[in-house]
C-alpha atoms as a PDB file:
ATOM      1  CA  MET A   1      10.907   4.482  -9.850  1.00  0.00           C
ATOM      2  CA  LYS A   2      12.527   3.144  -6.636  1.00  0.00           C
ATOM      3  CA  VAL A   3      10.133   1.665  -4.759  1.00  0.00           C
ATOM      4  CA  VAL A   4       8.933  -1.107  -2.035  1.00  0.00           C
ATOM      5  CA  MET A   5       6.500  -3.488  -2.647  1.00  0.00           C
ATOM      6  CA  VAL A   6       4.709  -4.975   0.083  1.00  0.00           C
ATOM      7  CA  GLU A   7       2.274  -8.215  -0.882  1.00  0.00           C
ATOM      8  CA  PRO A   8      -0.048 -10.118   1.141  1.00  0.00           C
ATOM      9  CA  ASN A   9       2.393 -13.127   2.884  1.00  0.00           C
ATOM     10  CA  LYS A  10       5.656 -11.951   1.824  1.00  0.00           C
ATOM     11  CA  PRO A  11       8.408 -10.053   3.046  1.00  0.00           C
ATOM     12  CA  ALA A  12       8.636  -6.556   1.687  1.00  0.00           C
ATOM     13  CA  TYR A  13      11.296  -5.692  -1.152  1.00  0.00           C
ATOM     14  CA  ALA A  14      12.948  -2.862  -2.652  1.00  0.00           C
ATOM     15  CA  THR A  15      11.960  -2.796  -6.405  1.00  0.00           C
ATOM     16  CA  GLU A  16      11.756  -0.876  -9.741  1.00  0.00           C
ATOM     17  CA  ILE A  17       8.135   0.012 -11.481  1.00  0.00           C
ATOM     18  CA  GLY A  18       7.126   2.914 -13.939  1.00  0.00           C
ATOM     19  CA  SER A  19       5.985   5.844 -13.203  1.00  0.00           C
ATOM     20  CA  ASP A  20       2.789   6.255 -15.697  1.00  0.00           C
ATOM     21  CA  TYR A  21      -0.263   5.470 -14.591  1.00  0.00           C
ATOM     22  CA  GLN A  22      -0.614   1.945 -16.442  1.00  0.00           C
ATOM     23  CA  SER A  23       2.660   0.683 -14.228  1.00  0.00           C
ATOM     24  CA  LEU A  24       1.381   2.047 -11.107  1.00  0.00           C
ATOM     25  CA  HIS A  25      -1.911   0.018 -11.859  1.00  0.00           C
ATOM     26  CA  ASN A  26      -0.470  -3.202 -13.063  1.00  0.00           C
ATOM     27  CA  ALA A  27       1.815  -3.143  -9.595  1.00  0.00           C
ATOM     28  CA  VAL A  28      -1.532  -3.271  -7.354  1.00  0.00           C
ATOM     29  CA  GLY A  29      -3.850  -4.772  -9.822  1.00  0.00           C
ATOM     30  CA  GLY A  30      -6.536  -2.221 -10.144  1.00  0.00           C
ATOM     31  CA  LEU A  31      -7.208   1.310  -9.052  1.00  0.00           C
ATOM     32  CA  ILE A  32      -4.438   2.996  -7.596  1.00  0.00           C
ATOM     33  CA  GLU A  33      -5.033   4.843  -4.170  1.00  0.00           C
ATOM     34  CA  PRO A  34      -3.137   7.098  -2.357  1.00  0.00           C
ATOM     35  CA  ILE A  35      -3.085   5.917   1.446  1.00  0.00           C
ATOM     36  CA  TYR A  36      -1.352   8.243   4.096  1.00  0.00           C
ATOM     37  CA  TYR A  37      -1.203   5.480   7.271  1.00  0.00           C
ATOM     38  CA  LEU A  38       2.830   6.883   7.314  1.00  0.00           C
ATOM     39  CA  ASP A  39       4.235   9.685   9.715  1.00  0.00           C
ATOM     40  CA  ASP A  40       6.842  10.483   6.905  1.00  0.00           C
ATOM     41  CA  PRO A  41       5.258  13.636   4.664  1.00  0.00           C
ATOM     42  CA  ASN A  42       7.772  12.114   2.019  1.00  0.00           C
ATOM     43  CA  VAL A  43       6.523   9.098   1.467  1.00  0.00           C
ATOM     44  CA  VAL A  44       3.215   7.216   0.221  1.00  0.00           C
ATOM     45  CA  MET A  45       1.530   4.380   0.084  1.00  0.00           C
ATOM     46  CA  VAL A  46      -0.017   3.399  -3.092  1.00  0.00           C
ATOM     47  CA  GLY A  47      -3.116   0.022  -3.151  1.00  0.00           C
ATOM     48  CA  ASN A  48      -5.675  -0.713  -4.927  1.00  0.00           C
ATOM     49  CA  GLU A  49      -8.612   1.295  -4.267  1.00  0.00           C
ATOM     50  CA  GLU A  50     -11.264  -1.433  -4.351  1.00  0.00           C
ATOM     51  CA  ALA A  51      -8.978  -4.236  -2.906  1.00  0.00           C
ATOM     52  CA  LYS A  52     -11.427  -5.042  -0.234  1.00  0.00           C
ATOM     53  CA  LEU A  53     -14.348  -4.688  -2.381  1.00  0.00           C
ATOM     54  CA  ILE A  54     -12.737  -7.427  -4.756  1.00  0.00           C
ATOM     55  CA  GLY A  55     -11.660  -9.859  -2.090  1.00  0.00           C
ATOM     56  CA  LEU A  56      -8.092  -9.339  -2.219  1.00  0.00           C
ATOM     57  CA  GLU A  57      -6.157 -10.810   0.806  1.00  0.00           C
ATOM     58  CA  GLY A  58      -5.313  -8.999   3.862  1.00  0.00           C
ATOM     59  CA  ASN A  59      -1.904  -7.626   3.662  1.00  0.00           C
ATOM     60  CA  ARG A  60      -0.573  -5.542   6.773  1.00  0.00           C
ATOM     61  CA  ARG A  61      -2.229  -4.312   9.943  1.00  0.00           C
ATOM     62  CA  PHE A  62      -2.289  -0.449  11.107  1.00  0.00           C
ATOM     63  CA  GLY A  63      -3.329  -0.013  14.371  1.00  0.00           C
ATOM     64  CA  ASP A  64      -7.190  -0.945  14.110  1.00  0.00           C
ATOM     65  CA  ARG A  65      -7.220  -0.711   9.897  1.00  0.00           C
ATOM     66  CA  ILE A  66      -6.197  -3.485   7.242  1.00  0.00           C
ATOM     67  CA  ILE A  67      -4.998  -2.589   4.330  1.00  0.00           C
ATOM     68  CA  ALA A  68      -6.156  -5.908   1.568  1.00  0.00           C
ATOM     69  CA  GLY A  69      -4.028  -6.237  -2.073  1.00  0.00           C
ATOM     70  CA  THR A  70      -0.439  -5.598  -2.711  1.00  0.00           C
ATOM     71  CA  PHE A  71       0.645  -2.211  -1.671  1.00  0.00           C
ATOM     72  CA  PHE A  72       4.009   0.126  -3.198  1.00  0.00           C
ATOM     73  CA  ILE A  73       5.446   2.690  -1.094  1.00  0.00           C
ATOM     74  CA  CYS A  74       6.929   5.422  -2.872  1.00  0.00           C
ATOM     75  CA  GLY A  75       8.335   9.033  -2.664  1.00  0.00           C
ATOM     76  CA  ASP A  76       5.916  12.140  -2.617  1.00  0.00           C
ATOM     77  CA  ASN A  77       7.372  15.329  -3.875  1.00  0.00           C
ATOM     78  CA  GLY A  78       3.799  16.685  -3.455  1.00  0.00           C
ATOM     79  CA  GLU A  79       2.717  16.856  -6.669  1.00  0.00           C
ATOM     80  CA  ASP A  80       4.018  13.237  -8.361  1.00  0.00           C
ATOM     81  CA  PHE A  81       5.008  10.036  -7.139  1.00  0.00           C
ATOM     82  CA  CYS A  82       8.776   9.595  -7.111  1.00  0.00           C
ATOM     83  CA  SER A  83      11.289   7.245  -6.201  1.00  0.00           C
ATOM     84  CA  LEU A  84      12.442   6.385  -2.643  1.00  0.00           C
ATOM     85  CA  THR A  85      16.103   7.383  -1.690  1.00  0.00           C
ATOM     86  CA  ASP A  86      18.701   4.105  -0.326  1.00  0.00           C
ATOM     87  CA  GLU A  87      18.077   5.034   2.845  1.00  0.00           C
ATOM     88  CA  GLN A  88      13.700   4.947   2.846  1.00  0.00           C
ATOM     89  CA  CYS A  89      14.127   1.951   0.770  1.00  0.00           C
ATOM     90  CA  GLU A  90      16.143   0.022   3.123  1.00  0.00           C
ATOM     91  CA  LYS A  91      13.931   1.585   6.312  1.00  0.00           C
ATOM     92  CA  TYR A  92      10.505   0.243   4.627  1.00  0.00           C
ATOM     93  CA  VAL A  93      12.180  -2.793   3.509  1.00  0.00           C
ATOM     94  CA  HIS A  94      12.809  -3.890   7.299  1.00  0.00           C
ATOM     95  CA  LYS A  95       9.213  -2.181   8.865  1.00  0.00           C
ATOM     96  CA  PHE A  96       7.424  -4.275   6.695  1.00  0.00           C
ATOM     97  CA  ALA A  97       9.905  -7.302   6.601  1.00  0.00           C
ATOM     98  CA  GLU A  98       7.620  -9.574   8.587  1.00  0.00           C
ATOM     99  CA  PRO A  99       4.021 -10.053   6.938  1.00  0.00           C
ATOM    100  CA  HIS A 100       0.765 -10.089   8.817  1.00  0.00           C
ATOM    101  CA  GLU A 101      -1.713 -12.911   9.215  1.00  0.00           C
ATOM    102  CA  ILE A 102      -5.126 -11.718   8.257  1.00  0.00           C
ATOM    103  CA  THR A 103      -7.835 -13.682   7.821  1.00  0.00           C
ATOM    104  CA  GLN A 104     -10.613 -12.648   5.012  1.00  0.00           C
ATOM    105  CA  ASP A 105     -13.211 -12.317   7.661  1.00  0.00           C
ATOM    106  CA  GLU A 106     -10.846  -9.877   9.424  1.00  0.00           C
ATOM    107  CA  VAL A 107     -10.779  -7.836   6.064  1.00  0.00           C
ATOM    108  CA  GLU A 108     -14.431  -8.504   5.773  1.00  0.00           C
ATOM    109  CA  GLN A 109     -15.167  -6.523   9.318  1.00  0.00           C
ATOM    110  CA  ASP A 110     -12.615  -3.714   7.790  1.00  0.00           C
ATOM    111  CA  MET A 111     -14.815  -2.863   5.364  1.00  0.00           C
ATOM    112  CA  GLY A 112     -17.154   0.379   5.790  1.00  0.00           C
ATOM    113  CA  CYS A 113     -18.368   3.500   4.847  1.00  0.00           C
ATOM    114  CA  ILE A 114     -19.952   6.646   6.605  1.00  0.00           C
ATOM    115  CA  ILE A 115     -23.021   8.233   5.539  1.00  0.00           C
ATOM    116  CA  ILE A 116     -23.854  11.795   6.360  1.00  0.00           C
ATOM    117  CA  GLY A 117     -27.234  13.119   5.995  1.00  0.00           C
ATOM    118  CA  LEU A 118     -27.700  17.052   4.998  1.00  0.00           C
END
């Protein structure tokens, strides 16, 4: 599957990974989590669900939110993850070309949960 890989402190790059769960798990270094911060309904970011909890480095900012750890961008056909087109790869490699400097303190401050009492 053709994806754009986004690692902390590095420019994004296009690469190929397997589409099976173990390949996705290995790509992000843990449990996978779809992240819907991009405006394109045909793509999804996939990151490590526990990235902040296990102290992974901050990677990119999205408004006032921070993604920690490595994530990749792949196609989303509504049922499964799939390859990006060449145009999508080019767009997201360009979009994530510049790494963000994020301190561990910023990552920790971005952690939180909402508890709703019934």
